[in-house]
Amino acid sequence: MKQKDNVIEAMRINGGYATFQQLNTLVDFSAWKTRTPFASIRRIVQTNSEFFRIQPGLWALKECEKEVLEKFRIDAKDKESVQEFTHSYFQGIIVEIGNMRNLDTYVPAQDKNKLFLERKLCEIATTNTIYDFTYPEILRKAKTVDTIWFNERKMPCAFYEVEHSTNIRNSLDKFYELQDFRAKFYIVAAHERKNQFEDIMSNSIYRPIKNLVDFVNYDSLIAQYNAEHNLAERVI
């Protein structure tokens, strides 16, 4: 069986789609004469017409396109459904990275039933109730942040806002209110929005948080996810 056929079969077993992490687990590499099978998988899905990309790091079989998109509640003609899937997909990626780092992970109540692949976000986050780490009026702001990581002391160590199409200013306003905590703040978006992010951050009102907020593009986030997952696999 060719390497491409191994990948196709693994995707079929997984329901017609797979992340690179899932493929790394599902594909039998025993007959592959390569020292870099993970890189080979990426090359195979990116260069063969049997596959199509749903999101960075998430691929599916063309033969299963209709079923997979229905499974993820994606209607290519409905921009809102695409945006909702994109947003919850990257929320899920952030949650999973936090989980791999043995941190507590939180998503807000309004997002808990949204899907990360075939699971609800509340099923992969480790806590569905935010910890009472501050005053109620500030906690109300924190409760709406897309994803929060908490350390072993139940204190926030990172706040993430996924900005696929919404106004970045709204997220920065939340971060401004949360700046007194010893935490990092991240705007996660397509790389095309980085200039917009930098323009907004240059406004004097955001000067107090300028060194606290970083921009992370989707591809960089997926690269980090892949690296952390592979490290977790080696540890196990």
Protein backbone atom coordinates (compact mmCIF):
# COMPACT_ATOMS: atom_id res chain seq x y z
CA MET A 1 0.00 0.00 0.00
CA LYS A 2 1.29 3.44 -0.94
CA GLN A 3 1.79 6.10 1.70
CA LYS A 4 -1.07 8.13 0.24
CA ASP A 5 -3.36 5.11 0.52
CA ASN A 6 -2.37 4.72 4.18
CA VAL A 7 -3.44 8.29 4.84
CA ILE A 8 -6.71 7.90 2.91
CA GLU A 9 -7.57 4.76 4.87
CA ALA A 10 -6.77 6.47 8.19
CA MET A 11 -9.08 9.36 7.30
CA ARG A 12 -11.87 6.96 6.34
CA ILE A 13 -11.52 5.23 9.70
CA ASN A 14 -11.71 8.62 11.41
CA GLY A 15 -14.93 9.61 9.65
CA GLY A 16 -13.53 11.18 6.50
CA TYR A 17 -11.36 13.85 8.12
CA ALA A 18 -8.43 14.19 10.50
CA THR A 19 -6.09 16.65 12.13
CA PHE A 20 -2.38 16.05 11.68
CA GLN A 21 -2.28 14.82 15.28
CA GLN A 22 -4.96 12.24 14.57
CA LEU A 23 -3.15 11.08 11.45
CA ASN A 24 0.09 10.75 13.38
CA THR A 25 -1.74 8.32 15.66
CA LEU A 26 -3.87 6.48 13.08
CA VAL A 27 -1.38 5.90 10.26
CA ASP A 28 0.78 2.77 10.41
CA PHE A 29 4.28 4.00 9.62
CA SER A 30 5.95 0.59 9.95
CA ALA A 31 6.45 0.18 6.19
CA TRP A 32 7.36 3.82 5.52
CA LYS A 33 11.02 4.22 4.62
CA THR A 34 11.38 7.71 6.00
CA ARG A 35 12.77 9.28 9.15
CA THR A 36 10.20 12.08 8.98
CA PRO A 37 6.76 10.44 8.62
CA PHE A 38 4.93 13.44 10.09
CA ALA A 39 6.39 15.72 7.43
CA SER A 40 5.46 13.14 4.80
CA ILE A 41 1.84 13.20 5.95
CA ARG A 42 1.71 16.98 5.62
CA ARG A 43 3.17 16.77 2.12
CA ILE A 44 0.71 14.07 1.06
CA VAL A 45 -2.45 15.93 2.06
CA GLN A 46 -1.18 19.24 0.71
CA THR A 47 -0.19 17.95 -2.75
CA ASN A 48 -2.84 15.37 -3.64
CA SER A 49 -6.31 16.13 -5.02
CA GLU A 50 -7.95 13.44 -2.88
CA PHE A 51 -7.76 15.81 0.11
CA PHE A 52 -9.08 19.29 0.89
CA ARG A 53 -8.29 21.68 3.72
CA ILE A 54 -11.04 22.73 6.10
CA GLN A 55 -8.81 24.77 8.42
CA PRO A 56 -5.07 24.95 9.09
CA GLY A 57 -4.10 21.54 10.46
CA LEU A 58 -7.48 19.99 9.57
CA TRP A 59 -7.97 18.05 6.33
CA ALA A 60 -10.65 15.83 4.83
CA LEU A 61 -11.27 13.48 1.92
CA LYS A 62 -12.93 14.94 -1.17
CA GLU A 63 -15.05 11.79 -1.39
CA CYS A 64 -16.50 12.58 2.05
CA GLU A 65 -16.79 16.36 1.66
CA LYS A 66 -20.58 16.60 1.96
CA GLU A 67 -20.78 14.33 5.01
CA VAL A 68 -17.87 16.00 6.80
CA LEU A 69 -19.17 19.54 6.29
CA GLU A 70 -22.60 18.50 7.54
CA LYS A 71 -20.97 16.89 10.57
CA PHE A 72 -19.23 20.18 11.39
CA ARG A 73 -22.35 22.24 10.62
CA ILE A 74 -20.52 24.09 7.85
CA ASP A 75 -22.47 25.44 4.90
CA ALA A 76 -20.03 26.83 2.33
CA LYS A 77 -22.76 29.23 1.14
CA ASP A 78 -23.41 30.50 4.66
CA LYS A 79 -20.61 32.81 5.75
CA GLU A 80 -21.82 32.82 9.35
CA SER A 81 -21.54 29.03 9.70
CA VAL A 82 -17.97 29.12 8.37
CA GLN A 83 -17.06 31.90 10.79
CA GLU A 84 -18.60 30.07 13.75
CA PHE A 85 -16.74 26.85 12.97
CA THR A 86 -13.46 28.73 12.48
CA HIS A 87 -13.86 30.51 15.81
CA SER A 88 -14.69 27.39 17.82
CA TYR A 89 -12.01 25.34 16.04
CA PHE A 90 -9.25 27.67 17.16
CA GLN A 91 -10.78 27.96 20.63
CA GLY A 92 -10.52 24.18 20.83
CA ILE A 93 -6.90 24.21 19.67
CA ILE A 94 -6.03 26.72 22.42
CA VAL A 95 -7.86 24.62 25.01
CA GLU A 96 -6.02 21.47 23.94
CA ILE A 97 -2.62 23.17 24.14
CA GLY A 98 -3.46 24.32 27.66
CA ASN A 99 -4.58 20.81 28.59
CA MET A 100 -1.30 19.37 27.29
CA ARG A 101 0.52 21.82 29.55
CA ASN A 102 -1.49 20.53 32.54
CA LEU A 103 -3.26 23.86 32.98
CA ASP A 104 -6.93 24.34 33.77
CA THR A 105 -8.80 25.59 30.71
CA TYR A 106 -11.99 27.62 30.47
CA VAL A 107 -14.38 28.73 27.72
CA PRO A 108 -17.31 31.09 28.31
CA ALA A 109 -20.87 29.89 28.80
CA GLN A 110 -22.01 31.29 25.45
CA ASP A 111 -19.50 29.06 23.63
CA LYS A 112 -19.66 25.86 25.66
CA ASN A 113 -21.94 24.01 23.21
CA LYS A 114 -20.03 25.01 20.09
CA LEU A 115 -18.07 22.29 18.35
CA PHE A 116 -14.39 21.54 18.28
CA LEU A 117 -14.46 18.86 15.59
CA GLU A 118 -17.19 16.51 16.89
CA ARG A 119 -16.99 17.43 20.58
CA LYS A 120 -18.47 20.37 22.41
CA LEU A 121 -15.98 22.85 23.80
CA CYS A 122 -17.32 22.23 27.32
CA GLU A 123 -16.30 18.58 26.94
CA ILE A 124 -12.64 19.39 26.37
CA ALA A 125 -12.23 22.38 28.71
CA THR A 126 -11.28 21.27 32.21
CA THR A 127 -13.58 23.75 33.96
CA ASN A 128 -16.89 25.24 32.86
CA THR A 129 -17.04 27.60 35.84
CA ILE A 130 -14.60 30.46 36.07
CA TYR A 131 -12.59 30.68 39.27
CA ASP A 132 -13.34 33.63 41.58
CA PHE A 133 -9.87 35.14 41.22
CA THR A 134 -10.88 38.81 41.44
CA TYR A 135 -13.62 41.35 42.13
CA PRO A 136 -17.06 40.65 40.60
CA GLU A 137 -17.00 43.64 38.24
CA ILE A 138 -13.67 42.51 36.72
CA LEU A 139 -14.70 38.86 36.74
CA ARG A 140 -17.67 39.77 34.54
CA LYS A 141 -15.20 40.89 31.87
CA ALA A 142 -13.05 37.79 32.25
CA LYS A 143 -16.05 35.48 31.87
CA THR A 144 -16.47 36.57 28.24
CA VAL A 145 -12.86 35.93 27.14
CA ASP A 146 -12.72 33.16 24.51
CA THR A 147 -10.26 30.95 26.37
CA ILE A 148 -8.44 31.30 29.69
CA TRP A 149 -5.62 29.18 31.07
CA PHE A 150 -5.32 28.87 34.86
CA ASN A 151 -2.25 27.74 36.77
CA GLU A 152 -2.15 25.34 39.71
CA ARG A 153 -3.10 28.17 42.08
CA LYS A 154 -6.32 28.77 40.10
CA MET A 155 -5.01 32.12 38.91
CA PRO A 156 -5.17 33.14 35.23
CA CYS A 157 -1.87 32.85 33.36
CA ALA A 158 -3.07 33.49 29.80
CA PHE A 159 -6.10 35.06 28.12
CA TYR A 160 -6.92 34.35 24.46
CA GLU A 161 -9.33 36.08 22.12
CA VAL A 162 -9.98 34.58 18.66
CA GLU A 163 -10.66 37.40 16.21
CA HIS A 164 -11.80 35.88 12.95
CA SER A 165 -14.10 38.68 11.83
CA THR A 166 -15.06 40.71 14.89
CA ASN A 167 -13.61 43.99 16.13
CA ILE A 168 -10.19 43.58 17.72
CA ARG A 169 -10.79 46.67 19.85
CA ASN A 170 -13.42 44.83 21.87
CA SER A 171 -10.88 42.19 22.90
CA LEU A 172 -8.21 44.77 23.70
CA ASP A 173 -10.70 46.61 25.91
CA LYS A 174 -11.18 43.40 27.91
CA PHE A 175 -7.42 42.94 28.20
CA TYR A 176 -7.06 46.53 29.38
CA GLU A 177 -9.40 45.78 32.29
CA LEU A 178 -7.43 42.61 33.14
CA GLN A 179 -3.93 44.08 32.87
CA ASP A 180 -3.14 43.94 36.61
CA PHE A 181 -2.87 40.16 36.60
CA ARG A 182 0.42 38.38 36.00
CA ALA A 183 -0.80 36.91 32.75
CA LYS A 184 -0.16 37.07 29.02
CA PHE A 185 -2.76 38.23 26.52
CA TYR A 186 -3.13 36.96 22.97
CA ILE A 187 -5.10 37.99 19.91
CA VAL A 188 -5.44 34.98 17.61
CA ALA A 189 -6.37 35.76 14.01
CA ALA A 190 -5.47 35.30 10.35
CA HIS A 191 -2.06 36.79 9.52
CA GLU A 192 -3.80 39.36 7.27
CA ARG A 193 -5.14 41.08 10.40
CA LYS A 194 -1.75 41.70 12.00
CA ASN A 195 -1.38 45.18 10.51
CA GLN A 196 -4.82 46.07 11.80
CA PHE A 197 -3.84 44.78 15.24
CA GLU A 198 -0.65 46.84 15.25
CA ASP A 199 -2.48 49.98 14.13
CA ILE A 200 -4.98 49.66 16.97
CA MET A 201 -2.27 48.85 19.53
CA SER A 202 -0.43 52.03 18.55
CA ASN A 203 -3.25 54.16 19.99
CA SER A 204 -2.22 55.83 23.22
CA ILE A 205 -5.12 54.33 25.18
CA TYR A 206 -3.52 50.88 24.83
CA ARG A 207 -0.02 51.97 25.81
CA PRO A 208 -0.31 50.38 29.31
CA ILE A 209 -0.85 46.91 27.77
CA LYS A 210 1.38 47.25 24.70
CA ASN A 211 4.04 44.88 26.10
CA LEU A 212 1.49 42.42 27.47
CA VAL A 213 -0.45 41.59 24.29
CA ASP A 214 0.88 39.43 21.46
CA PHE A 215 -0.57 38.62 18.06
CA VAL A 216 -0.64 34.94 17.04
CA ASN A 217 -1.68 33.95 13.54
CA TYR A 218 -3.59 30.75 12.84
CA ASP A 219 -0.70 28.92 11.16
CA SER A 220 1.67 29.68 14.04
CA LEU A 221 -0.90 28.41 16.53
CA ILE A 222 -1.28 25.14 14.62
CA ALA A 223 2.50 24.76 14.41
CA GLN A 224 2.67 25.15 18.19
CA TYR A 225 -0.16 22.64 18.62
CA ASN A 226 1.68 20.11 16.45
CA ALA A 227 4.94 20.62 18.34
CA GLU A 228 3.33 20.25 21.76
CA HIS A 229 1.35 17.19 20.73
CA ASN A 230 4.43 15.48 19.37
CA LEU A 231 6.32 16.26 22.59
CA ALA A 232 3.45 14.79 24.62
CA GLU A 233 3.58 11.66 22.47
CA ARG A 234 7.33 11.28 23.09
CA VAL A 235 6.87 11.70 26.84
CA ILE A 236 4.23 8.98 26.90
